[in-house]
Amino acid sequence: MAWYHTFFHGLPQEAWKAAQTEEQTQLDLELLVDTLEFGPGDRILDVFCGYGRHALPLARMGAHITGIDISSEYVTELQSVSKTEKLPITAIADDFLTIAATSLGDEHTFDAAYCLGNSFSFFPLADMVAFLSRVASLLKPGGRFLVHSEMVAEAVLPDYQARNWLPIETTDGEPILFMVENDYLPMEGRIDSHLTYVKGGITQTRLAQHYIYTLSQLRHLFTQAGLKVIDCYGTVTGDSFALGDEAVWLLAEK
């Protein structure tokens, strides 16, 4: 069982949601609209949709969203909001790698897809190939796929930090103290992050594992899956990627 099957519950969920800003979400949405070339009524796949930070506003614009996430907590929240607002969202709590393809749709179902929020680095090589191949099979010819990662080699290694901590403000006024100890395993191509969350006398710990690929490796894997990388951004506003940028956004087309 992969680490992410047991990670997403409790304080990590609360901390992630509290750390997202309206400004960041708006910039994400502008990039999605500018790059994915979809219109009202088009079908869009949100891989690792979370609580619907992107799915909800896109559905309010008229897109038909299918979102999948392994967190039942987040998916239940998204289902509740979409039902209340009568939005065209299908939210599924499952593992994208193992769920039956027919549960998401037939081949060539979606006009576009995206994977944001730094979840793209969860997979070792074989699983990454399977992940990209599944996305490609679900896209219509010409469909676009946008991914975001802070864990590509050119972004994370130039400013590698073994330890870090920060307080995260929450809506109830009691901050969560988030601490991380990173262990880079070069022969595995992976960073193991030992995470600690503290709030109100409660302490929860987790292990997260992120696989580190170079951009060249990722372009090769995209091509192998039938996806052509057509752009590479170093900022959410669409600037070209440069070594040491904090994150990367890759835009591909089937």
Protein backbone atom coordinates (compact mmCIF):
# COMPACT_ATOMS: atom_id res chain seq x y z
CA MET A 1 0.00 0.00 0.00
CA ALA A 2 1.39 3.40 -1.00
CA TRP A 3 1.88 6.08 1.65
CA TYR A 4 -0.86 8.30 0.25
CA HIS A 5 -3.55 5.71 1.03
CA THR A 6 -3.32 6.55 4.75
CA PHE A 7 -2.01 10.12 4.72
CA PHE A 8 -5.03 12.26 3.95
CA HIS A 9 -7.09 12.68 7.10
CA GLY A 10 -7.04 14.80 10.23
CA LEU A 11 -4.67 17.73 10.74
CA PRO A 12 -2.87 17.40 7.37
CA GLN A 13 -6.21 17.97 5.64
CA GLU A 14 -7.03 20.97 7.80
CA ALA A 15 -3.54 22.44 7.34
CA TRP A 16 -3.58 22.05 3.54
CA LYS A 17 -6.95 23.73 3.19
CA ALA A 18 -6.02 26.57 5.54
CA ALA A 19 -2.78 27.24 3.63
CA GLN A 20 -4.54 27.86 0.30
CA THR A 21 -5.23 31.52 -0.46
CA GLU A 22 -7.94 33.03 -2.62
CA GLU A 23 -5.25 34.82 -4.63
CA GLN A 24 -3.42 31.58 -5.42
CA THR A 25 -6.64 29.83 -6.37
CA GLN A 26 -7.62 32.70 -8.68
CA LEU A 27 -4.22 32.58 -10.41
CA ASP A 28 -4.57 28.81 -10.83
CA LEU A 29 -7.99 29.28 -12.41
CA GLU A 30 -6.72 31.92 -14.81
CA LEU A 31 -3.95 29.58 -15.95
CA LEU A 32 -6.41 26.71 -16.39
CA VAL A 33 -8.74 28.86 -18.49
CA ASP A 34 -5.87 30.28 -20.56
CA THR A 35 -4.17 26.94 -21.30
CA LEU A 36 -6.78 24.17 -21.47
CA GLU A 37 -8.95 25.73 -24.20
CA PHE A 38 -12.29 24.49 -22.91
CA GLY A 39 -15.73 26.03 -23.09
CA PRO A 40 -19.12 25.75 -21.34
CA GLY A 41 -20.39 22.19 -21.39
CA ASP A 42 -16.97 20.66 -21.99
CA ARG A 43 -15.98 17.73 -19.80
CA ILE A 44 -12.90 18.21 -17.61
CA LEU A 45 -11.07 15.68 -15.44
CA ASP A 46 -9.71 16.97 -12.11
CA VAL A 47 -7.12 14.45 -10.89
CA PHE A 48 -6.72 14.71 -7.09
CA CYS A 49 -9.57 17.20 -6.81
CA GLY A 50 -9.40 17.62 -3.03
CA TYR A 51 -12.27 19.65 -1.62
CA GLY A 52 -12.95 21.28 -4.99
CA ARG A 53 -10.79 24.39 -4.87
CA HIS A 54 -10.67 24.39 -8.68
CA ALA A 55 -13.58 22.09 -9.56
CA LEU A 56 -16.24 24.26 -7.92
CA PRO A 57 -15.43 27.56 -9.67
CA LEU A 58 -14.90 25.81 -13.01
CA ALA A 59 -18.30 24.13 -12.68
CA ARG A 60 -19.82 27.51 -11.86
CA MET A 61 -18.41 28.67 -15.21
CA GLY A 62 -20.34 25.88 -16.95
CA ALA A 63 -17.74 23.11 -17.27
CA HIS A 64 -18.75 19.53 -16.43
CA ILE A 65 -16.22 18.26 -13.91
CA THR A 66 -15.30 14.73 -12.90
CA GLY A 67 -13.03 14.85 -9.86
CA ILE A 68 -11.25 11.97 -8.18
CA ASP A 69 -9.34 12.02 -4.91
CA ILE A 70 -8.26 9.40 -2.40
CA SER A 71 -9.49 11.52 0.53
CA SER A 72 -13.05 10.58 1.42
CA GLU A 73 -13.17 13.62 3.74
CA TYR A 74 -12.51 16.05 0.92
CA VAL A 75 -14.71 14.25 -1.61
CA THR A 76 -17.66 14.20 0.81
CA GLU A 77 -17.25 17.95 1.26
CA LEU A 78 -17.12 18.53 -2.50
CA GLN A 79 -20.17 16.33 -3.08
CA SER A 80 -22.12 18.27 -0.47
CA VAL A 81 -21.33 21.70 -1.93
CA SER A 82 -21.95 20.62 -5.53
CA LYS A 83 -25.29 19.07 -4.54
CA THR A 84 -26.38 22.21 -2.69
CA GLU A 85 -25.47 24.43 -5.64
CA LYS A 86 -26.71 21.91 -8.24
CA LEU A 87 -23.38 21.98 -10.06
CA PRO A 88 -22.33 19.55 -12.84
CA ILE A 89 -19.70 17.78 -10.73
CA THR A 90 -19.13 14.06 -10.26
CA ALA A 91 -16.79 13.56 -7.29
CA ILE A 92 -15.31 10.10 -6.66
CA ALA A 93 -13.35 8.88 -3.63
CA ASP A 94 -10.91 6.31 -5.00
CA ASP A 95 -7.35 5.66 -6.21
CA PHE A 96 -6.86 7.04 -9.72
CA LEU A 97 -4.35 4.32 -10.55
CA THR A 98 -6.59 1.38 -9.66
CA ILE A 99 -10.18 2.55 -10.16
CA ALA A 100 -11.94 0.86 -13.08
CA ALA A 101 -11.61 3.10 -16.13
CA THR A 102 -15.35 2.81 -16.78
CA SER A 103 -16.00 4.50 -13.43
CA LEU A 104 -14.43 7.65 -14.87
CA GLY A 105 -15.81 7.37 -18.38
CA ASP A 106 -15.14 5.70 -21.70
CA GLU A 107 -12.00 6.30 -23.70
CA HIS A 108 -11.77 9.81 -25.15
CA THR A 109 -14.28 11.09 -22.59
CA PHE A 110 -12.68 14.37 -21.54
CA ASP A 111 -11.92 17.58 -23.39
CA ALA A 112 -9.19 18.52 -20.88
CA ALA A 113 -7.61 17.44 -17.60
CA TYR A 114 -5.45 18.89 -14.86
CA CYS A 115 -3.50 17.81 -11.77
CA LEU A 116 -2.61 20.72 -9.48
CA GLY A 117 -1.60 21.04 -5.83
CA ASN A 118 1.79 19.29 -5.96
CA SER A 119 0.34 15.76 -6.13
CA PHE A 120 2.05 14.92 -9.42
CA SER A 121 5.24 13.69 -7.69
CA PHE A 122 3.65 10.82 -5.76
CA PHE A 123 4.61 8.05 -8.19
CA PRO A 124 7.67 5.89 -8.85
CA LEU A 125 8.50 5.21 -12.49
CA ALA A 126 6.14 2.34 -13.27
CA ASP A 127 3.22 4.09 -11.57
CA MET A 128 4.04 7.39 -13.28
CA VAL A 129 3.87 5.66 -16.68
CA ALA A 130 0.53 4.11 -15.70
CA PHE A 131 -0.74 7.46 -14.41
CA LEU A 132 0.11 9.37 -17.58
CA SER A 133 -1.17 6.57 -19.82
CA ARG A 134 -4.50 6.57 -18.01
CA VAL A 135 -4.87 10.33 -18.38
CA ALA A 136 -4.03 10.06 -22.08
CA SER A 137 -6.58 7.29 -22.63
CA LEU A 138 -9.33 9.43 -21.11
CA LEU A 139 -8.57 12.54 -23.16
CA LYS A 140 -10.05 13.24 -26.55
CA PRO A 141 -7.53 13.76 -29.38
CA GLY A 142 -6.24 17.31 -29.03
CA GLY A 143 -7.25 17.41 -25.38
CA ARG A 144 -4.88 19.26 -23.07
CA PHE A 145 -3.45 18.28 -19.68
CA LEU A 146 -1.93 20.74 -17.18
CA VAL A 147 0.15 19.52 -14.22
CA HIS A 148 1.89 21.34 -11.38
CA SER A 149 4.80 20.17 -9.25
CA GLU A 150 7.21 21.71 -6.78
CA MET A 151 9.27 18.50 -6.73
CA VAL A 152 10.97 18.36 -10.13
CA ALA A 153 14.76 18.16 -9.83
CA GLU A 154 15.36 21.62 -11.31
CA ALA A 155 13.06 23.21 -8.71
CA VAL A 156 13.61 21.33 -5.46
CA LEU A 157 17.33 20.41 -5.52
CA PRO A 158 18.94 23.85 -6.05
CA ASP A 159 17.37 25.06 -2.77
CA TYR A 160 17.03 21.75 -0.95
CA GLN A 161 16.02 22.20 2.69
CA ALA A 162 16.50 19.35 5.15
CA ARG A 163 14.29 21.00 7.78
CA ASN A 164 11.63 23.65 7.86
CA TRP A 165 8.71 24.78 9.97
CA LEU A 166 5.90 27.33 9.78
CA PRO A 167 2.66 28.24 11.55
CA ILE A 168 -0.53 27.95 9.50
CA GLU A 169 -3.45 30.17 10.46
CA THR A 170 -6.85 28.48 10.60
CA THR A 171 -10.42 29.74 10.50
CA ASP A 172 -10.98 28.93 14.19
CA GLY A 173 -8.07 31.17 15.21
CA GLU A 174 -5.89 28.37 16.55
CA PRO A 175 -2.84 27.93 14.29
CA ILE A 176 -1.37 24.63 13.22
CA LEU A 177 2.41 24.32 13.63
CA PHE A 178 3.76 22.42 10.65
CA MET A 179 7.28 20.94 10.75
CA VAL A 180 9.11 18.88 8.11
CA GLU A 181 12.33 16.88 8.07
CA ASN A 182 13.40 15.84 4.57
CA ASP A 183 15.63 12.92 3.65
CA TYR A 184 16.84 12.88 0.05
CA LEU A 185 17.59 9.38 -1.27
CA PRO A 186 19.55 9.95 -4.49
CA MET A 187 19.74 6.27 -5.49
CA GLU A 188 15.95 6.06 -5.20
CA GLY A 189 15.29 9.44 -6.78
CA ARG A 190 13.01 10.28 -3.88
CA ILE A 191 12.55 12.65 -0.96
CA ASP A 192 11.06 11.16 2.21
CA SER A 193 9.37 13.90 4.22
CA HIS A 194 8.68 13.27 7.91
CA LEU A 195 5.88 15.67 8.77
CA THR A 196 4.59 16.81 12.15
CA TYR A 197 1.40 18.79 12.74
CA VAL A 198 0.58 20.30 16.14
CA LYS A 199 -2.65 22.02 17.13
CA GLY A 200 -4.23 22.55 20.54
CA GLY A 201 -2.21 19.87 22.26
CA ILE A 202 -2.82 17.35 19.47
CA THR A 203 0.19 16.07 17.52
CA GLN A 204 -0.10 14.03 14.33
CA THR A 205 2.78 12.70 12.25
CA ARG A 206 2.90 11.50 8.64
CA LEU A 207 5.38 10.25 6.05
CA ALA A 208 5.16 11.62 2.51
CA GLN A 209 7.27 10.40 -0.40
CA HIS A 210 7.94 12.44 -3.52
CA TYR A 211 9.73 11.06 -6.56
CA ILE A 212 12.14 13.48 -8.21
CA TYR A 213 12.26 13.61 -12.01
CA THR A 214 14.10 15.99 -14.29
CA LEU A 215 12.05 17.89 -16.82
CA SER A 216 13.74 15.91 -19.59
CA GLN A 217 12.67 12.64 -17.97
CA LEU A 218 9.10 13.90 -17.61
CA ARG A 219 8.93 15.00 -21.25
CA HIS A 220 10.05 11.50 -22.26
CA LEU A 221 7.42 9.88 -20.03
CA PHE A 222 4.69 12.16 -21.37
CA THR A 223 5.70 11.26 -24.93
CA GLN A 224 5.69 7.56 -24.07
CA ALA A 225 2.11 7.93 -22.86
CA GLY A 226 0.98 9.74 -26.01
CA LEU A 227 1.10 13.28 -24.61
CA LYS A 228 3.23 16.01 -26.21
CA VAL A 229 4.60 18.65 -23.83
CA ILE A 230 3.91 21.97 -25.53
CA ASP A 231 4.88 24.44 -22.78
CA CYS A 232 6.74 24.63 -19.49
CA TYR A 233 6.07 27.46 -17.03
CA GLY A 234 8.02 28.52 -13.96
CA THR A 235 5.25 30.71 -12.52
CA VAL A 236 1.50 30.45 -12.33
CA THR A 237 1.29 33.56 -14.51
CA GLY A 238 2.91 31.69 -17.39
CA ASP A 239 6.56 32.81 -17.37
CA SER A 240 8.99 30.35 -18.97
CA PHE A 241 10.65 27.97 -16.52
CA ALA A 242 14.19 28.77 -15.33
CA LEU A 243 16.50 26.70 -13.14
CA GLY A 244 15.68 27.29 -9.48
CA ASP A 245 12.06 28.37 -9.96
CA GLU A 246 10.00 27.12 -7.03
CA ALA A 247 7.61 25.08 -9.15
CA VAL A 248 6.82 23.97 -12.66
CA TRP A 249 3.61 23.81 -14.69
CA LEU A 250 3.73 21.44 -17.66
CA LEU A 251 1.17 21.76 -20.43
CA ALA A 252 0.71 18.74 -22.69
CA GLU A 253 -1.61 17.84 -25.55
CA LYS A 254 -2.82 14.46 -26.72
